[in-house]
Structures are given as C-alpha cells and as structure tokens.
C-alpha cells in the first residue's frame, strides 16, 4: 500500500479526472444535440470541429487518467479490481466509455466534419449516432460516479475449485 500522501494524491487525480470527464462528456452531448438539430451547416461544422478538439485534448487524456488512477487505487487498496461488484462495474463502464469513444464518437465526428464541409443538405445519420454515443458516454461516467459514492452490493464470489 502506498504512503497515505501518495494515495491521497492518486485519489485526488482520480476524482478530478473523472469529474472533468463527466463535464466534458455532458458538454459534448449538448453540443452534438445542438449541431444535429441545426439547419446552419457552417455553424454545425464549427461545433463538430470544437467537439473533435475537445475529444482529443480532454476526452481521451481524462479517460485514461481516470482509468489508470482508478486501477492504481483499486490494486493498492482494500477494494481490488475484481473483489467488489461496484469496483468491477466502474472499470467496465470506463472501458466502455473509451471503446465507444474510439469506435463511434471519433468516427462520427470525422464523418460529420466531412459532411458539413461539403455543404450540401448536410444531413447524415451520423449526427444522431453521435448524439446517442456521447449521451451514452456521459450516462456511463455518471453511473460510475454514483457507484463510487454509493458502493452498492457485496463481494464477488469466487468459484469453488472443481474436482475434489
């Protein structure tokens, strides 16, 4: 177990990065909804450009900071990564946020930048896919936050050894 001061530093980093990730995700959801519902193609393009910047400069670093600091806290403290349901659920939720970001959010933003730069009717189903993806990411980060506060459930039971 690390020294108390080191653990508090890691805990502070974890809380700050998770809260910042929640704010970033919620902000991206609002921006995606606004741009998706807009008839202003140039304005939507500008919003998607800012979303891409925020995703790269905040979303990705904050996601990995929260993941690594959370794993460090779990592995060096009494909770463990796979001892308690709520810790494992937080891990799964954060990994899901990263996977959705890598597979849906980023590609949808790139598609929408391309579509809105072309400036035809500038409609694409990717706009609603993006809204759903970033809203899901914000919801998952909020759920992980709630799990950290409430800490529901008990320990994960280990399977009994077979062949006795």
Protein backbone atom coordinates (compact mmCIF):
# COMPACT_ATOMS: atom_id res chain seq x y z
CA UNK A 1 0.00 0.00 0.00
CA UNK A 2 1.43 3.41 -0.94
CA UNK A 3 2.05 6.09 1.66
CA UNK A 4 -1.11 7.97 2.72
CA UNK A 5 0.03 11.17 1.00
CA UNK A 6 0.67 9.30 -2.26
CA UNK A 7 -2.70 7.57 -2.06
CA UNK A 8 -4.46 10.91 -1.46
CA UNK A 9 -2.67 12.39 -4.45
CA UNK A 10 -3.78 9.49 -6.66
CA UNK A 11 -7.32 9.72 -5.25
CA UNK A 12 -7.43 13.46 -5.96
CA UNK A 13 -6.19 12.85 -9.51
CA UNK A 14 -8.81 10.13 -9.98
CA UNK A 15 -11.71 12.23 -8.71
CA UNK A 16 -10.63 15.32 -10.65
CA UNK A 17 -10.19 13.42 -13.92
CA UNK A 18 -13.49 11.55 -13.52
CA UNK A 19 -15.44 14.74 -12.72
CA UNK A 20 -13.76 16.57 -15.61
CA UNK A 21 -14.60 13.63 -17.89
CA UNK A 22 -18.23 13.83 -16.78
CA UNK A 23 -18.33 17.54 -17.60
CA UNK A 24 -16.62 17.02 -20.94
CA UNK A 25 -18.99 14.18 -21.86
CA UNK A 26 -22.06 16.17 -20.87
CA UNK A 27 -20.81 19.20 -22.79
CA UNK A 28 -20.17 17.07 -25.87
CA UNK A 29 -23.70 15.65 -25.62
CA UNK A 30 -25.20 19.15 -25.55
CA UNK A 31 -23.02 20.25 -28.46
CA UNK A 32 -23.90 17.18 -30.53
CA UNK A 33 -27.61 17.73 -29.94
CA UNK A 34 -27.38 21.40 -30.87
CA UNK A 35 -25.37 20.79 -34.04
CA UNK A 36 -27.50 17.80 -35.04
CA UNK A 37 -30.73 19.79 -34.81
CA UNK A 38 -29.34 22.86 -36.56
CA UNK A 39 -30.06 23.92 -40.14
CA UNK A 40 -26.93 26.07 -40.08
CA UNK A 41 -24.38 23.88 -41.85
CA UNK A 42 -21.43 26.21 -41.25
CA UNK A 43 -22.34 26.54 -37.57
CA UNK A 44 -22.70 22.76 -37.22
CA UNK A 45 -19.30 22.30 -38.85
CA UNK A 46 -17.74 24.68 -36.33
CA UNK A 47 -19.36 22.77 -33.46
CA UNK A 48 -18.08 19.44 -34.80
CA UNK A 49 -14.58 20.92 -35.14
CA UNK A 50 -14.67 22.04 -31.48
CA UNK A 51 -16.03 18.63 -30.46
CA UNK A 52 -13.09 16.97 -32.18
CA UNK A 53 -10.67 19.30 -30.39
CA UNK A 54 -12.29 18.64 -27.00
CA UNK A 55 -12.34 14.90 -27.59
CA UNK A 56 -8.64 14.81 -28.44
CA UNK A 57 -7.44 17.34 -25.85
CA UNK A 58 -9.70 16.41 -22.92
CA UNK A 59 -11.80 13.29 -23.51
CA UNK A 60 -9.02 10.86 -24.33
CA UNK A 61 -6.47 12.04 -21.71
CA UNK A 62 -9.13 12.28 -18.98
CA UNK A 63 -10.49 8.81 -19.78
CA UNK A 64 -7.10 7.20 -19.50
CA UNK A 65 -6.15 9.22 -16.42
CA UNK A 66 -9.35 8.13 -14.66
CA UNK A 67 -8.81 4.52 -15.76
CA UNK A 68 -5.18 4.30 -14.67
CA UNK A 69 -5.62 6.19 -11.39
CA UNK A 70 -8.72 4.12 -10.55
CA UNK A 71 -6.86 0.89 -11.27
CA UNK A 72 -3.94 2.05 -9.13
CA UNK A 73 -6.30 2.84 -6.24
CA UNK A 74 -8.09 -0.49 -6.55
CA UNK A 75 -4.91 -2.55 -6.80
CA UNK A 76 -3.16 -0.85 -3.89
CA UNK A 77 -6.15 -0.53 -1.59
CA UNK A 78 -8.66 -2.80 0.11
CA UNK A 79 -11.13 -2.89 -2.80
CA UNK A 80 -9.21 -4.72 -5.53
CA UNK A 81 -10.32 -4.66 -9.17
CA UNK A 82 -12.38 -7.83 -9.03
CA UNK A 83 -13.28 -8.22 -5.33
CA UNK A 84 -16.34 -5.97 -5.21
CA UNK A 85 -19.11 -5.57 -7.79
CA UNK A 86 -19.10 -1.80 -7.72
CA UNK A 87 -15.37 -1.54 -8.46
CA UNK A 88 -15.60 -4.01 -11.34
CA UNK A 89 -18.69 -2.21 -12.68
CA UNK A 90 -16.81 1.12 -12.61
CA UNK A 91 -13.95 -0.49 -14.52
CA UNK A 92 -16.32 -1.93 -17.14
CA UNK A 93 -18.14 1.40 -17.50
CA UNK A 94 -14.93 3.36 -18.02
CA UNK A 95 -13.58 0.86 -20.53
CA UNK A 96 -16.94 1.07 -22.35
CA UNK A 97 -16.65 4.87 -22.46
CA UNK A 98 -13.21 4.51 -24.07
CA UNK A 99 -14.42 1.86 -26.55
CA UNK A 100 -17.47 3.94 -27.57
CA UNK A 101 -15.21 6.95 -27.98
CA UNK A 102 -12.74 5.05 -30.15
CA UNK A 103 -15.28 3.22 -32.29
CA UNK A 104 -18.30 5.54 -32.55
CA UNK A 105 -17.75 9.07 -31.26
CA UNK A 106 -14.49 9.80 -33.06
CA UNK A 107 -15.57 8.36 -36.39
CA UNK A 108 -18.96 10.08 -36.21
CA UNK A 109 -17.32 13.45 -35.57
CA UNK A 110 -14.93 12.93 -38.50
CA UNK A 111 -17.82 11.95 -40.78
CA UNK A 112 -19.85 14.97 -39.73
CA UNK A 113 -16.94 17.34 -40.29
CA UNK A 114 -16.59 15.95 -43.82
CA UNK A 115 -20.35 16.09 -44.49
CA UNK A 116 -20.75 19.65 -43.22
CA UNK A 117 -17.66 20.84 -45.10
CA UNK A 118 -19.21 19.55 -48.35
CA UNK A 119 -22.21 21.77 -47.51
CA UNK A 120 -24.96 20.02 -49.46
CA UNK A 121 -28.10 19.47 -47.45
CA UNK A 122 -25.55 18.38 -44.82
CA UNK A 123 -27.68 15.66 -43.36
CA UNK A 124 -26.25 12.44 -42.13
CA UNK A 125 -27.47 9.73 -39.81
CA UNK A 126 -24.09 10.08 -38.10
CA UNK A 127 -25.40 13.19 -36.33
CA UNK A 128 -27.92 11.15 -34.30
CA UNK A 129 -25.42 8.33 -33.84
CA UNK A 130 -23.08 10.93 -32.34
CA UNK A 131 -25.79 12.32 -30.06
CA UNK A 132 -26.58 8.80 -28.80
CA UNK A 133 -22.88 7.91 -28.35
CA UNK A 134 -21.88 10.97 -26.34
CA UNK A 135 -25.09 10.83 -24.29
CA UNK A 136 -24.32 7.17 -23.51
CA UNK A 137 -20.77 8.10 -22.54
CA UNK A 138 -21.99 10.84 -20.19
CA UNK A 139 -24.50 8.42 -18.67
CA UNK A 140 -21.83 5.77 -18.13
CA UNK A 141 -19.49 8.24 -16.41
CA UNK A 142 -22.37 9.46 -14.24
CA UNK A 143 -23.23 5.84 -13.33
CA UNK A 144 -19.59 5.17 -12.38
CA UNK A 145 -19.64 8.28 -10.21
CA UNK A 146 -22.80 7.11 -8.47
CA UNK A 147 -21.25 3.69 -7.87
CA UNK A 148 -18.22 5.31 -6.25
CA UNK A 149 -20.44 7.26 -3.88
CA UNK A 150 -22.98 4.55 -3.02
CA UNK A 151 -20.69 1.47 -3.19
CA UNK A 152 -23.60 -0.98 -3.54
CA UNK A 153 -23.50 -4.74 -3.31
CA UNK A 154 -21.06 -7.10 -1.81
CA UNK A 155 -18.03 -9.04 -2.76
CA UNK A 156 -17.71 -11.04 -5.93
CA UNK A 157 -17.81 -14.72 -5.06
CA UNK A 158 -15.07 -16.92 -6.32
CA UNK A 159 -15.97 -20.18 -7.98
CA UNK A 160 -15.32 -23.24 -5.87
CA UNK A 161 -12.40 -25.36 -7.05
CA UNK A 162 -13.57 -28.30 -9.14
CA UNK A 163 -12.58 -31.93 -8.75
CA UNK A 164 -12.49 -32.51 -5.04
